[in-house]
Each structure stands twice: as structure tokens, then as C-alpha cells.
C-alpha atoms as a PDB file:
ATOM      1  CA  MET A   1      68.423  11.544   4.935  1.00  0.00           C
ATOM      2  CA  THR A   2      67.593  13.803   2.188  1.00  0.00           C
ATOM      3  CA  SER A   3      66.279  11.270   0.411  1.00  0.00           C
ATOM      4  CA  ASN A   4      64.220  10.115   3.506  1.00  0.00           C
ATOM      5  CA  SER A   5      63.035  13.258   3.909  1.00  0.00           C
ATOM      6  CA  GLY A   6      61.726  14.034   0.283  1.00  0.00           C
ATOM      7  CA  LYS A   7      59.953  10.896   0.467  1.00  0.00           C
ATOM      8  CA  GLY A   8      57.964  11.672   3.752  1.00  0.00           C
ATOM      9  CA  ALA A   9      57.323  14.990   2.078  1.00  0.00           C
ATOM     10  CA  LYS A  10      56.505  13.412  -0.532  1.00  0.00           C
ATOM     11  CA  MET A  11      54.123  10.619   0.989  1.00  0.00           C
ATOM     12  CA  ARG A  12      52.983  14.095   3.113  1.00  0.00           C
ATOM     13  CA  ARG A  13      51.522  15.651  -0.255  1.00  0.00           C
ATOM     14  CA  SER A  14      50.264  13.039  -1.326  1.00  0.00           C
ATOM     15  CA  SER A  15      47.725  12.092   1.336  1.00  0.00           C
ATOM     16  CA  ILE A  16      47.095  15.743   1.691  1.00  0.00           C
ATOM     17  CA  VAL A  17      45.869  15.870  -1.922  1.00  0.00           C
ATOM     18  CA  ALA A  18      44.305  12.437  -1.374  1.00  0.00           C
ATOM     19  CA  CYS A  19      42.339  13.865   1.677  1.00  0.00           C
ATOM     20  CA  THR A  20      41.266  16.855  -0.492  1.00  0.00           C
ATOM     21  CA  LEU A  21      40.217  14.497  -3.440  1.00  0.00           C
ATOM     22  CA  MET A  22      38.162  12.910  -0.645  1.00  0.00           C
ATOM     23  CA  PHE A  23      36.411  16.182   0.633  1.00  0.00           C
ATOM     24  CA  CYS A  24      35.975  17.483  -2.392  1.00  0.00           C
ATOM     25  CA  ALA A  25      33.834  13.646  -3.475  1.00  0.00           C
ATOM     26  CA  SER A  26      31.802  13.907  -0.121  1.00  0.00           C
ATOM     27  CA  LEU A  27      31.389  17.457  -0.488  1.00  0.00           C
ATOM     28  CA  SER A  28      29.813  16.737  -3.511  1.00  0.00           C
ATOM     29  CA  ALA A  29      27.740  13.940  -2.831  1.00  0.00           C
ATOM     30  CA  TRP A  30      26.367  15.807   0.180  1.00  0.00           C
ATOM     31  CA  ALA A  31      25.393  19.025  -2.467  1.00  0.00           C
ATOM     32  CA  LEU A  32      24.013  16.777  -5.215  1.00  0.00           C
ATOM     33  CA  ALA A  33      22.054  14.532  -2.388  1.00  0.00           C
ATOM     34  CA  PRO A  34      18.502  15.381  -3.196  1.00  0.00           C
ATOM     35  CA  ARG A  35      16.567  16.959  -0.648  1.00  0.00           C
ATOM     36  CA  ASN A  36      13.347  18.748  -1.779  1.00  0.00           C
ATOM     37  CA  PRO A  37      10.471  15.652  -0.675  1.00  0.00           C
ATOM     38  CA  MET A  38       7.871  15.341  -3.571  1.00  0.00           C
ATOM     39  CA  ALA A  39       5.075  14.275  -0.768  1.00  0.00           C
ATOM     40  CA  ALA A  40       5.290  18.096   0.447  1.00  0.00           C
ATOM     41  CA  LEU A  41       3.592  19.318  -2.280  1.00  0.00           C
ATOM     42  CA  ASN A  42      -0.150  17.290  -1.943  1.00  0.00           C
ATOM     43  CA  LYS A  43       0.959  16.840   1.886  1.00  0.00           C
ATOM     44  CA  ASN A  44      -2.937  17.833   2.369  1.00  0.00           C
ATOM     45  CA  LEU A  45      -4.174  15.936  -0.022  1.00  0.00           C
ATOM     46  CA  ARG A  46      -6.260  12.757   1.025  1.00  0.00           C
ATOM     47  CA  LEU A  47      -7.801   9.715  -0.989  1.00  0.00           C
ATOM     48  CA  GLU A  48     -10.383   9.144   1.350  1.00  0.00           C
ATOM     49  CA  SER A  49     -12.170  12.524   0.713  1.00  0.00           C
ATOM     50  CA  ALA A  50      -9.894  13.437  -2.713  1.00  0.00           C
ATOM     51  CA  ILE A  51     -11.489  10.135  -4.805  1.00  0.00           C
ATOM     52  CA  PRO A  52     -15.338  10.618  -4.819  1.00  0.00           C
ATOM     53  CA  VAL A  53     -17.162   8.132  -3.572  1.00  0.00           C
ATOM     54  CA  SER A  54     -20.322   8.745  -6.549  1.00  0.00           C
ATOM     55  CA  PHE A  55     -19.363  10.296  -9.980  1.00  0.00           C
ATOM     56  CA  GLY A  56     -20.900   9.614 -13.881  1.00  0.00           C
ATOM     57  CA  ASP A  57     -22.536   6.650 -13.486  1.00  0.00           C
ATOM     58  CA  TRP A  58     -20.883   5.405 -10.744  1.00  0.00           C
ATOM     59  CA  HIS A  59     -21.592   5.268  -6.707  1.00  0.00           C
ATOM     60  CA  LEU A  60     -20.058   3.288  -4.029  1.00  0.00           C
ATOM     61  CA  ASP A  61     -21.264  -0.379  -3.581  1.00  0.00           C
ATOM     62  CA  SER A  62     -21.655  -0.050   0.202  1.00  0.00           C
ATOM     63  CA  GLY A  63     -22.979  -3.605   0.143  1.00  0.00           C
ATOM     64  CA  GLY A  64     -19.621  -5.110  -0.158  1.00  0.00           C
ATOM     65  CA  MET A  65     -20.800  -7.855  -2.521  1.00  0.00           C
ATOM     66  CA  GLN A  66     -16.995  -8.200  -4.140  1.00  0.00           C
ATOM     67  CA  SER A  67     -13.608  -7.775  -2.272  1.00  0.00           C
ATOM     68  CA  VAL A  68     -10.801  -5.952  -3.100  1.00  0.00           C
ATOM     69  CA  VAL A  69      -6.963  -8.481  -3.110  1.00  0.00           C
ATOM     70  CA  ALA A  70      -5.012  -5.908  -0.535  1.00  0.00           C
ATOM     71  CA  PRO A  71      -2.153  -5.077  -2.433  1.00  0.00           C
ATOM     72  CA  GLN A  72       0.211  -6.210   0.642  1.00  0.00           C
ATOM     73  CA  GLN A  73      -0.348  -7.737   3.666  1.00  0.00           C
ATOM     74  CA  LYS A  74      -1.016  -5.216   6.459  1.00  0.00           C
ATOM     75  CA  GLY A  75       2.548  -5.123   8.224  1.00  0.00           C
ATOM     76  CA  LEU A  76       3.936  -4.871   4.770  1.00  0.00           C
ATOM     77  CA  LEU A  77       1.632  -2.640   3.122  1.00  0.00           C
ATOM     78  CA  ASP A  78       2.198  -0.174   6.633  1.00  0.00           C
ATOM     79  CA  ALA A  79       5.692   0.155   5.946  1.00  0.00           C
ATOM     80  CA  LEU A  80       5.265   0.885   2.313  1.00  0.00           C
ATOM     81  CA  TYR A  81       2.512   2.886   1.947  1.00  0.00           C
ATOM     82  CA  SER A  82       1.123   6.364   4.000  1.00  0.00           C
ATOM     83  CA  GLN A  83      -2.486   5.912   2.392  1.00  0.00           C
ATOM     84  CA  THR A  84      -4.216   3.479   0.655  1.00  0.00           C
ATOM     85  CA  LEU A  85      -7.761   3.549  -0.266  1.00  0.00           C
ATOM     86  CA  THR A  86     -10.036   0.611  -1.512  1.00  0.00           C
ATOM     87  CA  ARG A  87     -13.449   0.636  -2.790  1.00  0.00           C
ATOM     88  CA  THR A  88     -15.769  -1.215  -5.093  1.00  0.00           C
ATOM     89  CA  TYR A  89     -18.000   1.027  -7.126  1.00  0.00           C
ATOM     90  CA  VAL A  90     -21.496   0.018  -9.239  1.00  0.00           C
ATOM     91  CA  ASN A  91     -23.138   1.675 -11.932  1.00  0.00           C
ATOM     92  CA  ALA A  92     -26.178   1.781 -13.249  1.00  0.00           C
ATOM     93  CA  GLN A  93     -26.342  -1.379 -15.299  1.00  0.00           C
ATOM     94  CA  GLY A  94     -24.498  -2.976 -12.366  1.00  0.00           C
ATOM     95  CA  GLN A  95     -21.557  -3.259 -13.279  1.00  0.00           C
ATOM     96  CA  ARG A  96     -19.102  -3.331 -10.751  1.00  0.00           C
ATOM     97  CA  VAL A  97     -14.968  -2.247 -10.647  1.00  0.00           C
ATOM     98  CA  MET A  98     -13.036  -2.915  -7.684  1.00  0.00           C
ATOM     99  CA  LEU A  99     -10.536   0.038  -6.527  1.00  0.00           C
ATOM    100  CA  SER A 100      -7.150   0.065  -4.790  1.00  0.00           C
ATOM    101  CA  ILE A 101      -4.756   3.277  -4.778  1.00  0.00           C
ATOM    102  CA  ALA A 102      -1.422   3.172  -2.860  1.00  0.00           C
ATOM    103  CA  TYR A 103       0.607   6.005  -2.117  1.00  0.00           C
ATOM    104  CA  GLY A 104       4.435   6.391  -0.680  1.00  0.00           C
ATOM    105  CA  GLU A 105       5.346   9.612   0.309  1.00  0.00           C
ATOM    106  CA  MET A 106       9.352   8.366  -0.152  1.00  0.00           C
ATOM    107  CA  GLN A 107      10.687   5.954  -3.561  1.00  0.00           C
ATOM    108  CA  SER A 108      14.010   4.334  -2.578  1.00  0.00           C
ATOM    109  CA  GLY A 109      15.519   1.309  -3.329  1.00  0.00           C
ATOM    110  CA  ASP A 110      14.338  -0.223   0.254  1.00  0.00           C
ATOM    111  CA  VAL A 111      10.942   1.409   0.252  1.00  0.00           C
ATOM    112  CA  GLU A 112       8.906   1.343  -3.205  1.00  0.00           C
ATOM    113  CA  LEU A 113       6.036   0.534  -4.946  1.00  0.00           C
ATOM    114  CA  HIS A 114       5.238  -3.061  -5.107  1.00  0.00           C
ATOM    115  CA  ARG A 115       3.665  -4.289  -8.104  1.00  0.00           C
ATOM    116  CA  PRO A 116       0.284  -6.107  -8.339  1.00  0.00           C
ATOM    117  CA  GLU A 117       1.688  -9.131  -9.911  1.00  0.00           C
ATOM    118  CA  VAL A 118       3.650  -9.483  -6.549  1.00  0.00           C
ATOM    119  CA  CYS A 119       0.622  -9.224  -4.337  1.00  0.00           C
ATOM    120  CA  TYR A 120      -1.628 -11.585  -6.055  1.00  0.00           C
ATOM    121  CA  PHE A 121       1.161 -14.546  -6.888  1.00  0.00           C
ATOM    122  CA  ALA A 122       1.541 -14.475  -2.883  1.00  0.00           C
ATOM    123  CA  GLN A 123      -2.479 -14.469  -2.272  1.00  0.00           C
ATOM    124  CA  GLY A 124      -2.231 -18.086  -4.968  1.00  0.00           C
ATOM    125  CA  PHE A 125      -3.401 -16.077  -7.900  1.00  0.00           C
ATOM    126  CA  SER A 126      -1.490 -17.631 -10.915  1.00  0.00           C
ATOM    127  CA  LEU A 127      -0.893 -14.777 -13.254  1.00  0.00           C
ATOM    128  CA  GLU A 128      -1.012 -13.650 -16.775  1.00  0.00           C
ATOM    129  CA  THR A 129       0.425 -10.624 -18.579  1.00  0.00           C
ATOM    130  CA  VAL A 130      -1.817  -9.218 -21.366  1.00  0.00           C
ATOM    131  CA  GLY A 131       0.408  -6.112 -22.277  1.00  0.00           C
ATOM    132  CA  LYS A 132       0.391  -2.840 -22.316  1.00  0.00           C
ATOM    133  CA  SER A 133      -2.016  -0.631 -23.019  1.00  0.00           C
ATOM    134  CA  SER A 134      -3.245   3.502 -22.745  1.00  0.00           C
ATOM    135  CA  ILE A 135      -6.058   5.957 -21.781  1.00  0.00           C
ATOM    136  CA  LYS A 136      -6.279   8.987 -23.356  1.00  0.00           C
ATOM    137  CA  LEU A 137      -8.244  12.166 -21.814  1.00  0.00           C
ATOM    138  CA  ALA A 138      -9.273  14.713 -23.146  1.00  0.00           C
ATOM    139  CA  GLU A 139      -8.264  18.044 -22.212  1.00  0.00           C
ATOM    140  CA  ARG A 140      -4.127  16.174 -22.926  1.00  0.00           C
ATOM    141  CA  GLU A 141      -2.709  16.079 -25.713  1.00  0.00           C
ATOM    142  CA  SER A 142      -0.379  12.532 -24.731  1.00  0.00           C
ATOM    143  CA  GLN A 143      -1.525   8.763 -23.432  1.00  0.00           C
ATOM    144  CA  PHE A 144      -0.303   7.516 -20.692  1.00  0.00           C
ATOM    145  CA  PRO A 145       0.677   4.043 -20.592  1.00  0.00           C
ATOM    146  CA  ILE A 146      -1.370   1.667 -18.004  1.00  0.00           C
ATOM    147  CA  GLN A 147      -0.944  -2.412 -17.413  1.00  0.00           C
ATOM    148  CA  ARG A 148      -3.124  -5.267 -18.106  1.00  0.00           C
ATOM    149  CA  LEU A 149      -2.956  -8.427 -15.998  1.00  0.00           C
ATOM    150  CA  ILE A 150      -5.307 -11.009 -15.724  1.00  0.00           C
ATOM    151  CA  ALA A 151      -5.163 -13.352 -12.421  1.00  0.00           C
ATOM    152  CA  GLN A 152      -6.974 -16.650 -11.783  1.00  0.00           C
ATOM    153  CA  THR A 153      -7.940 -18.956  -9.297  1.00  0.00           C
ATOM    154  CA  ASN A 154     -10.428 -21.687  -9.562  1.00  0.00           C
ATOM    155  CA  SER A 155     -13.300 -19.953  -8.373  1.00  0.00           C
ATOM    156  CA  ARG A 156     -12.108 -15.891  -9.670  1.00  0.00           C
ATOM    157  CA  HIS A 157     -11.011 -14.504 -12.840  1.00  0.00           C
ATOM    158  CA  GLU A 158      -9.693 -11.082 -11.975  1.00  0.00           C
ATOM    159  CA  PRO A 159      -8.717  -8.896 -15.077  1.00  0.00           C
ATOM    160  CA  ILE A 160      -6.571  -6.044 -14.201  1.00  0.00           C
ATOM    161  CA  SER A 161      -5.811  -2.450 -15.169  1.00  0.00           C
ATOM    162  CA  TYR A 162      -2.911  -0.597 -13.234  1.00  0.00           C
ATOM    163  CA  TRP A 163      -0.138   1.973 -13.420  1.00  0.00           C
ATOM    164  CA  MET A 164       2.793   3.026 -11.127  1.00  0.00           C
ATOM    165  CA  ARG A 165       3.685   7.081 -10.764  1.00  0.00           C
ATOM    166  CA  VAL A 166       7.055   7.676  -9.849  1.00  0.00           C
ATOM    167  CA  GLY A 167       7.420  11.428  -9.003  1.00  0.00           C
ATOM    168  CA  ASP A 168       6.561  13.201 -12.489  1.00  0.00           C
ATOM    169  CA  TYR A 169       6.499   9.959 -14.723  1.00  0.00           C
ATOM    170  CA  ILE A 170       4.170   6.880 -15.550  1.00  0.00           C
ATOM    171  CA  VAL A 171       6.433   4.280 -15.015  1.00  0.00           C
ATOM    172  CA  ALA A 172       6.219   0.444 -16.597  1.00  0.00           C
ATOM    173  CA  SER A 173       9.136  -1.643 -14.633  1.00  0.00           C
ATOM    174  CA  GLY A 174      11.875  -2.128 -11.842  1.00  0.00           C
ATOM    175  CA  ASN A 175      13.895  -0.477 -14.278  1.00  0.00           C
ATOM    176  CA  ASP A 176      11.769   2.309 -14.879  1.00  0.00           C
ATOM    177  CA  GLN A 177      11.103   2.654 -11.474  1.00  0.00           C
ATOM    178  CA  ARG A 178      15.179   3.166 -10.862  1.00  0.00           C
ATOM    179  CA  LEU A 179      15.307   5.650 -13.642  1.00  0.00           C
ATOM    180  CA  ALA A 180      12.521   7.593 -12.433  1.00  0.00           C
ATOM    181  CA  ARG A 181      14.393   7.749  -9.277  1.00  0.00           C
ATOM    182  CA  LEU A 182      17.830   8.418 -10.806  1.00  0.00           C
ATOM    183  CA  MET A 183      16.406  11.294 -12.778  1.00  0.00           C
ATOM    184  CA  HIS A 184      14.873  13.399  -9.876  1.00  0.00           C
ATOM    185  CA  GLY A 185      17.747  13.052  -7.228  1.00  0.00           C
ATOM    186  CA  PHE A 186      19.430  15.250 -10.708  1.00  0.00           C
ATOM    187  CA  LYS A 187      16.728  17.789 -10.307  1.00  0.00           C
ATOM    188  CA  GLY A 188      17.045  17.439  -6.174  1.00  0.00           C
ATOM    189  CA  TRP A 189      13.731  15.903  -6.243  1.00  0.00           C
ATOM    190  CA  ILE A 190      13.221  12.990  -3.531  1.00  0.00           C
ATOM    191  CA  PRO A 191       9.881  11.394  -5.514  1.00  0.00           C
ATOM    192  CA  ASP A 192       6.844  10.080  -4.489  1.00  0.00           C
ATOM    193  CA  GLY A 193       4.441   7.071  -5.715  1.00  0.00           C
ATOM    194  CA  ILE A 194       1.467   6.031  -6.261  1.00  0.00           C
ATOM    195  CA  LEU A 195       0.186   2.489  -7.728  1.00  0.00           C
ATOM    196  CA  PHE A 196      -3.586   2.671  -9.143  1.00  0.00           C
ATOM    197  CA  ARG A 197      -5.383  -0.287 -10.151  1.00  0.00           C
ATOM    198  CA  VAL A 198      -8.462  -1.854 -10.864  1.00  0.00           C
ATOM    199  CA  SER A 199      -9.772  -5.064 -12.173  1.00  0.00           C
ATOM    200  CA  SER A 200     -13.221  -7.000 -12.282  1.00  0.00           C
ATOM    201  CA  ILE A 201     -14.524 -10.434 -12.036  1.00  0.00           C
ATOM    202  CA  SER A 202     -15.414 -11.449 -15.315  1.00  0.00           C
ATOM    203  CA  GLY A 203     -14.949 -13.847 -17.924  1.00  0.00           C
ATOM    204  CA  ASP A 204     -14.833 -11.718 -20.972  1.00  0.00           C
ATOM    205  CA  ASN A 205     -11.538  -9.662 -20.461  1.00  0.00           C
ATOM    206  CA  GLU A 206     -12.115  -7.585 -23.498  1.00  0.00           C
ATOM    207  CA  ALA A 207     -15.445  -5.818 -22.028  1.00  0.00           C
ATOM    208  CA  ALA A 208     -14.220  -5.915 -18.794  1.00  0.00           C
ATOM    209  CA  TYR A 209     -10.850  -3.661 -19.518  1.00  0.00           C
ATOM    210  CA  HIS A 210     -13.426  -1.405 -21.882  1.00  0.00           C
ATOM    211  CA  LEU A 211     -15.309  -0.786 -18.272  1.00  0.00           C
ATOM    212  CA  GLN A 212     -12.208  -0.231 -16.954  1.00  0.00           C
ATOM    213  CA  GLU A 213     -11.262   2.179 -18.635  1.00  0.00           C
ATOM    214  CA  ARG A 214     -14.281   3.832 -19.025  1.00  0.00           C
ATOM    215  CA  PHE A 215     -14.512   4.389 -15.166  1.00  0.00           C
ATOM    216  CA  VAL A 216     -10.677   6.142 -15.251  1.00  0.00           C
ATOM    217  CA  VAL A 217     -11.850   8.323 -17.449  1.00  0.00           C
ATOM    218  CA  ASP A 218     -14.733   9.477 -15.676  1.00  0.00           C
ATOM    219  CA  LEU A 219     -12.978   9.546 -12.290  1.00  0.00           C
ATOM    220  CA  LEU A 220     -10.071  11.808 -13.528  1.00  0.00           C
ATOM    221  CA  THR A 221     -12.449  13.802 -15.654  1.00  0.00           C
ATOM    222  CA  THR A 222     -14.352  14.737 -12.334  1.00  0.00           C
ATOM    223  CA  VAL A 223     -11.747  15.248  -9.829  1.00  0.00           C
ATOM    224  CA  ASP A 224     -10.478  18.284  -9.497  1.00  0.00           C
ATOM    225  CA  THR A 225      -6.913  18.915 -11.175  1.00  0.00           C
ATOM    226  CA  ASN A 226      -4.426  19.058  -8.295  1.00  0.00           C
ATOM    227  CA  THR A 227      -5.748  15.427  -7.555  1.00  0.00           C
ATOM    228  CA  ARG A 228      -5.605  14.428 -11.096  1.00  0.00           C
ATOM    229  CA  GLY A 229      -1.900  15.459 -10.941  1.00  0.00           C
ATOM    230  CA  PHE A 230      -1.248  13.444  -8.003  1.00  0.00           C
ATOM    231  CA  LEU A 231      -2.966  10.141 -10.036  1.00  0.00           C
ATOM    232  CA  ILE A 232      -1.364  10.201 -12.932  1.00  0.00           C
ATOM    233  CA  GLY A 233       1.250  13.370 -12.633  1.00  0.00           C
ATOM    234  CA  PRO A 234       3.151  15.424 -13.554  1.00  0.00           C
ATOM    235  CA  VAL A 235       3.819  16.770  -9.442  1.00  0.00           C
ATOM    236  CA  SER A 236       6.709  19.134  -9.423  1.00  0.00           C
ATOM    237  CA  PRO A 237       6.312  22.619 -10.421  1.00  0.00           C
ATOM    238  CA  GLU A 238       8.644  22.481 -13.188  1.00  0.00           C
ATOM    239  CA  GLU A 239       6.580  20.251 -15.345  1.00  0.00           C
ATOM    240  CA  VAL A 240       3.473  21.132 -13.901  1.00  0.00           C
ATOM    241  CA  GLY A 241       3.278  24.482 -15.902  1.00  0.00           C
ATOM    242  CA  SER A 242       3.921  22.203 -19.606  1.00  0.00           C
ATOM    243  CA  ILE A 243       0.355  19.991 -18.463  1.00  0.00           C
ATOM    244  CA  ARG A 244      -2.241  21.882 -16.405  1.00  0.00           C
END
């Protein structure tokens, strides 16, 4: 009888310890869960007004001679992104650059930026990965990375440059996207995300990439500091102070 009582007491103690551990684990998970949405830091920024219709040698091509391939089909685009902007710009030499920006307020496993490779392939393009490059702004010491692609159909040859910002970081792959989310989560942030893409219809890849880089530099040096940070980061207050 005493033996059974001892066993019962021991089981109760084990149950209490297990419940305590479970409670502590749940409490820790709750305490560590990110609660601060980065989207709130730029809640008043609207792409339509923040991105100028003319800057440097560029102005909006109102004739719409070249259409911009949508980042995703309409339904999926609305689910992924809270803001999108697509425009075509032309310079004094008649050279055109197509711009597409898509912004998502919250980046998670189910709702995250989709790389251009996905949407172009879905719309019947064959794709060639050219590789990584980088762009340097005069006022910043460091460069930021970009990706280059070529999308092609029978009638269209389109060199593409793009980057993705997740929170404070420019990311180059799906693994980098997940890592950026994790790193922000440890700091209590729920990261936002932006996909910035430029492209040209051209058979001369090098000339097209040079034109796109010129366009990007002209745009980023024209917009205000807050918009520039929105496009290429950083966003969080602790990181902003080290750059701006």
C-alpha cells in the first residue's frame, strides 16, 4: 500500500514538473514571438506618390508602348502584396525601362515575396540566370546586391535586374528570406518585404543592364531618404542610425 502511494506521489510530482516545463516553454515562446510590425514604420508611404513620375533624364512613358509583365496573377498578387506599382519610363534618347515594385506588409512562410523567375515562367517565358551584380550609391560606403535574368519568348528578349528586401536586409534566395525572417524575429520584429524589378526589351544584354543600373541610381539618388530606405533598407530604427 505504501509502495503504491509512493508511486502515485512520484507520478503526481512528474506530472507537475512536466506541466511546469510545458507552461515555461509556452511562456518563452510567447515572450520571444515577434510583435513589432516593420510595416508600421512606413505606414504612410505610398508607392504611387513616393516614386516620382520624372527624375533626372527619365519621365513616365504615358504612351504605354511596352507593357510590364505583372509580378503575379491578380488574385495571388492581391494576397501577397499590399501595394504594387508598374510603370514604363523613357529618357531623352528614347530608351525605355520598365519598373515593377511589389510591397508586402508581412513576411511569413505562407505570405512572402515571390521571385520574378516564378511569374515569368508561369507566363510562358524561358529563363536564363545571368548571376549576381551590385549597385553602389555615392552616399553609401557599401554596395547592395542585385540579381540578373533574361526572360525570352519568340518575340520578346527581356534582360531583368531585381532585388528583394526583407526587413533590413537585401536577400538573394529563399534560404536568405527565411534567415532574414528568423533574425528579425529574434529582435522582436515582424519584417515587411519589397520586390524591386526593372527590365528592358533589348537584344543587347550588357547595354540593357547598364541602362537599368543608370535608371536605378538616378531614381535612388532622387527620392527622399525615407523612400530610399523603404526600397533598399535598412528600416528598423537601430539599423537606420548606422546608415542614414
